[in-house]
Amino acid sequence: MPGIQRREQYDPRSTSSMYVEGWNVHRVIRPARLANAVVERLLLRILEGEFPPGTDLPPEAALAAEFAVSRTILREALKALEEKRVLRIRHGRGTTVRPKAEWNLLDPLVLSVQLEYESSPELVEELGEVRTALLTLMAELAARRIHPPQREQLAAALERMRAAAEDPAPFHDAAVAFTRTLAEAAGNEVARCVIETIDVPYGGQDDDAGKLAEAMKLRLLLAEAAYATVAAGPGAPAGAVPAPASAPATSPAPAVASAAPGSQPLRQVATVPLNRHGLRTPAQSARV
């Protein structure tokens, strides 16, 4: 696949370690992680098209020699990929790559390798749609179920996100705290788990300051909207997403209902509609 650069070097004299040099990876893999390293490299080669869907992998002996690992470790890696529905193992008949439509895309390793190396715009877009929908659901549930201490924690996490809007590390920590508190207030741990699974760095984004800044801006916008929904209380219209500074503001939306006593007031901001990237279009609903 164009744009993917990798080199692998193994010491054929020993299976005690594996040296892996990749796009942004320089590390020695110790025995306990050998199977995971083989899983990652095999998955990458499948994504590159070296082993297309429907084709068989080379024999176990050949793969084990290539990766300089024992056949026991190789089988462990193949079994892991079978559990992720990437491979189909037929004993005595070989191991076949399954169609991508059958893969478990929410498996953390499958997802992270795809985002890091494949950089599929469609996948990024679909993850954004799912994340926005789940945040909307959690905000609406939290509006009915949140307790005062949780409201204070949510407001504090949002303020930390605002304060760290240009500092990725503390911003990420604050965003995770915001999502966890929102999920706790909503009483929906499944939604939290799905969001935390898809909140992995997009392909190359950590190395691209512009893309990272844009992702942080969108994440803050969605957090602002979720907080507005919670602050408005049950039955009120969902909070609107604040317009980015660079975006032309539309007509101001109606003011959101006041938050409960003791909660942090929302800042007055212009709003824009959401589209599938997380921002609404004028013709769409005013929900986050």
Protein backbone atom coordinates (compact mmCIF):
# COMPACT_ATOMS: atom_id res chain seq x y z
CA MET A 1 0.00 0.00 0.00
CA PRO A 2 1.49 3.43 -0.96
CA GLY A 3 2.70 5.51 1.92
CA ILE A 4 3.52 2.58 4.18
CA GLN A 5 7.19 2.14 4.90
CA ARG A 6 8.46 -0.60 7.12
CA ARG A 7 11.49 -2.78 7.65
CA GLU A 8 11.74 -5.86 9.79
CA GLN A 9 14.95 -7.42 11.08
CA TYR A 10 15.12 -10.57 13.11
CA ASP A 11 17.98 -12.47 14.66
CA PRO A 12 17.65 -15.96 13.16
CA ARG A 13 19.90 -17.38 15.86
CA SER A 14 17.54 -16.68 18.69
CA THR A 15 13.82 -16.47 19.45
CA SER A 16 14.43 -14.68 22.73
CA SER A 17 13.75 -11.29 21.15
CA MET A 18 12.47 -9.67 17.97
CA TYR A 19 13.72 -6.34 16.64
CA VAL A 20 11.00 -4.45 14.83
CA GLU A 21 11.63 -1.22 12.97
CA GLY A 22 8.53 0.38 11.51
CA TRP A 23 7.06 3.70 10.47
CA ASN A 24 7.31 5.22 13.92
CA VAL A 25 8.52 2.17 15.87
CA HIS A 26 11.98 1.25 17.13
CA ARG A 27 11.77 -1.37 19.79
CA VAL A 28 12.95 -4.77 20.88
CA ILE A 29 10.07 -7.16 21.44
CA ARG A 30 10.55 -9.48 24.40
CA PRO A 31 9.20 -13.05 24.50
CA ALA A 32 5.99 -12.19 26.34
CA ARG A 33 5.02 -9.86 23.50
CA LEU A 34 6.30 -11.86 20.55
CA ALA A 35 2.87 -13.18 19.58
CA ASN A 36 1.39 -9.66 19.70
CA ALA A 37 4.23 -8.39 17.49
CA VAL A 38 3.56 -11.15 14.96
CA VAL A 39 -0.17 -10.31 15.01
CA GLU A 40 0.56 -6.66 14.28
CA ARG A 41 3.01 -7.34 11.46
CA LEU A 42 0.78 -9.95 9.82
CA LEU A 43 -2.20 -7.62 10.00
CA LEU A 44 -0.15 -4.84 8.45
CA ARG A 45 0.92 -7.06 5.56
CA ILE A 46 -2.69 -8.08 4.99
CA LEU A 47 -3.70 -4.40 4.85
CA GLU A 48 -0.84 -3.72 2.45
CA GLY A 49 -2.34 -6.27 0.08
CA GLU A 50 0.43 -8.84 0.33
CA PHE A 51 -2.18 -11.38 1.47
CA PRO A 52 -5.51 -10.32 -0.11
CA PRO A 53 -8.87 -11.59 1.19
CA GLY A 54 -9.56 -15.13 0.07
CA THR A 55 -5.91 -16.10 -0.24
CA ASP A 56 -4.03 -18.53 1.98
CA LEU A 57 -1.12 -17.56 4.19
CA PRO A 58 2.23 -19.32 3.65
CA PRO A 59 2.77 -22.57 5.60
CA GLU A 60 3.38 -22.24 9.34
CA ALA A 61 7.00 -23.37 9.01
CA ALA A 62 7.76 -20.64 6.48
CA LEU A 63 6.08 -17.91 8.53
CA ALA A 64 7.77 -19.03 11.74
CA ALA A 65 11.16 -18.91 10.02
CA GLU A 66 10.45 -15.49 8.53
CA PHE A 67 9.46 -14.02 11.89
CA ALA A 68 12.18 -15.97 13.72
CA VAL A 69 9.71 -17.30 16.27
CA SER A 70 8.70 -20.77 17.32
CA ARG A 71 5.71 -22.42 15.69
CA THR A 72 3.98 -22.29 19.09
CA ILE A 73 4.21 -18.49 19.14
CA LEU A 74 3.16 -18.29 15.51
CA ARG A 75 0.09 -20.43 16.16
CA GLU A 76 -0.79 -18.20 19.10
CA ALA A 77 -0.66 -15.19 16.77
CA LEU A 78 -2.75 -16.90 14.10
CA LYS A 79 -5.30 -17.93 16.70
CA ALA A 80 -5.53 -14.31 17.91
CA LEU A 81 -6.21 -13.12 14.36
CA GLU A 82 -8.83 -15.83 13.96
CA GLU A 83 -10.57 -14.57 17.11
CA LYS A 84 -10.55 -11.05 15.59
CA ARG A 85 -12.21 -12.63 12.50
CA VAL A 86 -9.31 -11.58 10.26
CA LEU A 87 -8.30 -15.19 9.49
CA ARG A 88 -10.11 -18.50 9.05
CA ILE A 89 -8.07 -21.48 10.21
CA ARG A 90 -9.01 -24.82 8.67
CA HIS A 91 -6.93 -27.57 10.21
CA GLY A 92 -5.19 -29.55 7.53
CA ARG A 93 -6.34 -27.12 4.82
CA GLY A 94 -4.42 -23.94 5.62
CA THR A 95 -5.21 -20.45 6.92
CA THR A 96 -7.24 -18.05 4.78
CA VAL A 97 -7.61 -14.27 4.99
CA ARG A 98 -11.28 -13.39 5.52
CA PRO A 99 -13.04 -10.50 3.72
CA LYS A 100 -12.58 -7.21 5.51
CA ALA A 101 -16.34 -6.90 5.96
CA GLU A 102 -16.15 -9.82 8.40
CA TRP A 103 -13.39 -8.36 10.60
CA ASN A 104 -14.05 -7.18 14.13
CA LEU A 105 -13.34 -3.52 13.40
CA LEU A 106 -13.80 -2.51 17.04
CA ASP A 107 -11.02 -4.80 18.21
CA PRO A 108 -8.47 -2.29 19.60
CA LEU A 109 -5.51 -3.75 17.69
CA VAL A 110 -7.37 -4.12 14.39
CA LEU A 111 -8.68 -0.57 14.69
CA SER A 112 -5.38 1.01 15.71
CA VAL A 113 -3.38 -0.71 12.95
CA GLN A 114 -5.93 0.35 10.33
CA LEU A 115 -5.93 3.96 11.50
CA GLU A 116 -2.16 4.17 11.88
CA TYR A 117 -1.12 2.52 8.65
CA GLU A 118 -4.12 2.52 6.32
CA SER A 119 -5.42 6.00 7.18
CA SER A 120 -8.83 5.33 5.64
CA PRO A 121 -10.85 8.58 5.43
CA GLU A 122 -14.07 6.56 5.30
CA LEU A 123 -13.23 4.73 8.52
CA VAL A 124 -12.32 7.97 10.29
CA GLU A 125 -15.60 9.50 9.13
CA GLU A 126 -17.65 6.52 10.30
CA LEU A 127 -15.95 6.56 13.70
CA GLY A 128 -16.80 10.24 14.02
CA GLU A 129 -20.45 9.51 13.29
CA VAL A 130 -20.59 6.76 15.92
CA ARG A 131 -18.78 8.87 18.50
CA THR A 132 -21.13 11.83 17.97
CA ALA A 133 -24.21 9.62 18.24
CA LEU A 134 -22.99 7.98 21.45
CA LEU A 135 -22.07 11.32 23.05
CA THR A 136 -25.55 12.56 22.19
CA LEU A 137 -27.14 9.52 23.79
CA MET A 138 -25.01 9.77 26.94
CA ALA A 139 -25.70 13.50 27.28
CA GLU A 140 -29.46 12.98 27.02
CA LEU A 141 -29.36 10.17 29.60
CA ALA A 142 -27.11 12.20 31.91
CA ALA A 143 -29.50 15.15 31.71
CA ARG A 144 -32.05 12.96 33.52
CA ARG A 145 -29.75 11.04 35.85
CA ILE A 146 -26.78 13.22 36.80
CA HIS A 147 -26.05 13.92 40.48
CA PRO A 148 -24.61 17.23 41.75
CA PRO A 149 -21.07 15.86 42.37
CA GLN A 150 -21.01 14.42 38.84
CA ARG A 151 -22.17 17.76 37.44
CA GLU A 152 -19.28 19.47 39.19
CA GLN A 153 -16.80 16.88 37.89
CA LEU A 154 -18.14 17.25 34.36
CA ALA A 155 -17.83 21.05 34.47
CA ALA A 156 -14.29 20.78 35.88
CA ALA A 157 -13.22 18.36 33.14
CA LEU A 158 -14.66 20.65 30.46
CA GLU A 159 -12.80 23.63 31.89
CA ARG A 160 -9.54 21.63 31.82
CA MET A 161 -10.22 20.81 28.16
CA ARG A 162 -10.75 24.51 27.42
CA ALA A 163 -7.59 25.50 29.27
CA ALA A 164 -5.50 22.86 27.46
CA ALA A 165 -6.98 23.42 24.01
CA GLU A 166 -3.48 23.74 22.50
CA ASP A 167 -1.65 21.23 24.71
CA PRO A 168 -2.38 17.65 23.54
CA ALA A 169 -1.33 15.62 26.60
CA PRO A 170 -3.37 17.43 29.30
CA PHE A 171 -6.19 17.94 26.81
CA HIS A 172 -6.41 14.17 26.23
CA ASP A 173 -6.44 13.47 29.97
CA ALA A 174 -9.21 16.01 30.52
CA ALA A 175 -11.22 14.66 27.56
CA VAL A 176 -11.00 11.11 28.93
CA ALA A 177 -12.16 12.38 32.33
CA PHE A 178 -15.06 14.20 30.68
CA THR A 179 -16.20 11.11 28.78
CA ARG A 180 -15.90 8.85 31.82
CA THR A 181 -17.87 11.26 33.99
CA LEU A 182 -20.54 11.67 31.32
CA ALA A 183 -20.85 7.88 30.97
CA GLU A 184 -21.05 7.45 34.73
CA ALA A 185 -23.79 10.09 34.93
CA ALA A 186 -25.61 8.45 32.02
CA GLY A 187 -25.37 5.03 33.63
CA ASN A 188 -24.19 3.46 30.35
CA GLU A 189 -20.83 1.72 30.58
CA VAL A 190 -21.25 0.07 27.17
CA ALA A 191 -21.28 3.47 25.46
CA ARG A 192 -18.19 4.49 27.41
CA CYS A 193 -16.33 1.34 26.36
CA VAL A 194 -17.16 1.85 22.69
CA ILE A 195 -16.09 5.51 22.76
CA GLU A 196 -12.84 4.71 24.54
CA THR A 197 -12.16 2.00 21.98
CA ILE A 198 -12.58 4.32 19.00
CA ASP A 199 -10.69 7.19 20.67
CA VAL A 200 -7.35 6.07 19.28
CA PRO A 201 -4.98 8.31 17.31
CA TYR A 202 -5.91 8.56 13.63
CA GLY A 203 -3.34 7.52 11.04
CA GLY A 204 -0.37 9.87 11.18
CA GLN A 205 -2.39 12.43 13.12
CA ASP A 206 -0.05 12.55 16.11
CA ASP A 207 2.75 13.53 13.71
CA ASP A 208 0.67 16.18 11.96
CA ALA A 209 0.15 19.25 14.13
CA GLY A 210 -2.64 20.55 11.90
CA LYS A 211 -4.68 17.35 12.00
CA LEU A 212 -4.16 16.96 15.74
CA ALA A 213 -5.27 20.54 16.41
CA GLU A 214 -8.36 20.02 14.25
CA ALA A 215 -9.25 16.80 16.08
CA MET A 216 -8.84 18.50 19.46
CA LYS A 217 -11.03 21.38 18.33
CA LEU A 218 -13.80 19.03 17.23
CA ARG A 219 -13.56 17.03 20.45
CA LEU A 220 -13.93 20.23 22.48
CA LEU A 221 -16.93 21.29 20.38
CA LEU A 222 -18.67 17.98 21.03
CA ALA A 223 -17.89 18.19 24.75
CA GLU A 224 -19.34 21.71 24.88
CA ALA A 225 -22.50 20.47 23.17
CA ALA A 226 -22.82 17.47 25.49
CA TYR A 227 -22.41 19.70 28.53
CA ALA A 228 -25.06 22.08 27.18
CA THR A 229 -27.49 19.18 26.87
CA VAL A 230 -26.80 18.04 30.44
CA ALA A 231 -27.08 21.57 31.79
CA ALA A 232 -30.40 22.12 30.02
CA GLY A 233 -31.96 19.25 31.92
CA PRO A 234 -34.42 16.54 30.88
CA GLY A 235 -36.81 17.34 28.05
CA ALA A 236 -34.90 20.38 26.79
CA PRO A 237 -33.52 20.58 23.23
CA ALA A 238 -30.07 19.12 22.84
CA GLY A 239 -27.20 21.55 23.23
CA ALA A 240 -25.82 23.10 20.04
CA VAL A 241 -22.22 22.74 18.97
CA PRO A 242 -20.21 25.95 19.38
CA ALA A 243 -18.95 27.32 16.06
CA PRO A 244 -15.16 27.18 15.46
CA ALA A 245 -13.51 30.58 15.38
CA SER A 246 -12.78 30.17 11.67
CA ALA A 247 -16.35 29.17 10.74
CA PRO A 248 -18.98 31.81 9.90
CA ALA A 249 -21.52 31.92 12.66
CA THR A 250 -25.17 31.40 11.92
CA SER A 251 -27.98 33.15 13.71
CA PRO A 252 -27.63 32.68 17.46
CA ALA A 253 -29.55 29.72 18.80
CA PRO A 254 -32.03 30.11 21.62
CA ALA A 255 -30.39 30.29 25.01
CA VAL A 256 -29.98 26.96 26.77
CA ALA A 257 -31.82 26.54 30.03
CA SER A 258 -29.85 27.49 33.09
CA ALA A 259 -27.83 24.81 34.79
CA ALA A 260 -28.76 23.54 38.20
CA PRO A 261 -27.64 25.64 41.18
CA GLY A 262 -23.96 25.26 41.88
CA SER A 263 -23.04 24.11 38.37
CA GLN A 264 -20.75 26.09 36.12
CA PRO A 265 -22.58 28.46 33.72
CA LEU A 266 -22.18 27.88 30.00
CA ARG A 267 -20.44 30.48 27.91
CA GLN A 268 -22.63 32.20 25.32
CA VAL A 269 -21.44 31.13 21.87
CA ALA A 270 -22.72 31.09 18.30
CA THR A 271 -23.76 27.72 16.95
CA VAL A 272 -23.57 25.75 13.71
CA PRO A 273 -25.41 22.58 12.67
CA LEU A 274 -23.86 19.10 12.62
CA ASN A 275 -22.92 17.11 9.56
CA ARG A 276 -21.45 13.61 9.46
CA HIS A 277 -18.06 15.03 10.45
CA GLY A 278 -19.52 16.32 13.73
CA LEU A 279 -20.76 19.75 12.61
CA ARG A 280 -24.41 20.30 11.74
CA THR A 281 -25.68 21.65 8.44
CA PRO A 282 -28.55 24.16 8.43
CA ALA A 283 -30.97 21.61 6.94
CA GLN A 284 -30.37 19.03 9.64
CA SER A 285 -31.76 18.58 13.11
CA ALA A 286 -30.45 20.74 15.96
CA ARG A 287 -29.32 17.71 17.91
CA VAL A 288 -25.70 16.85 18.66
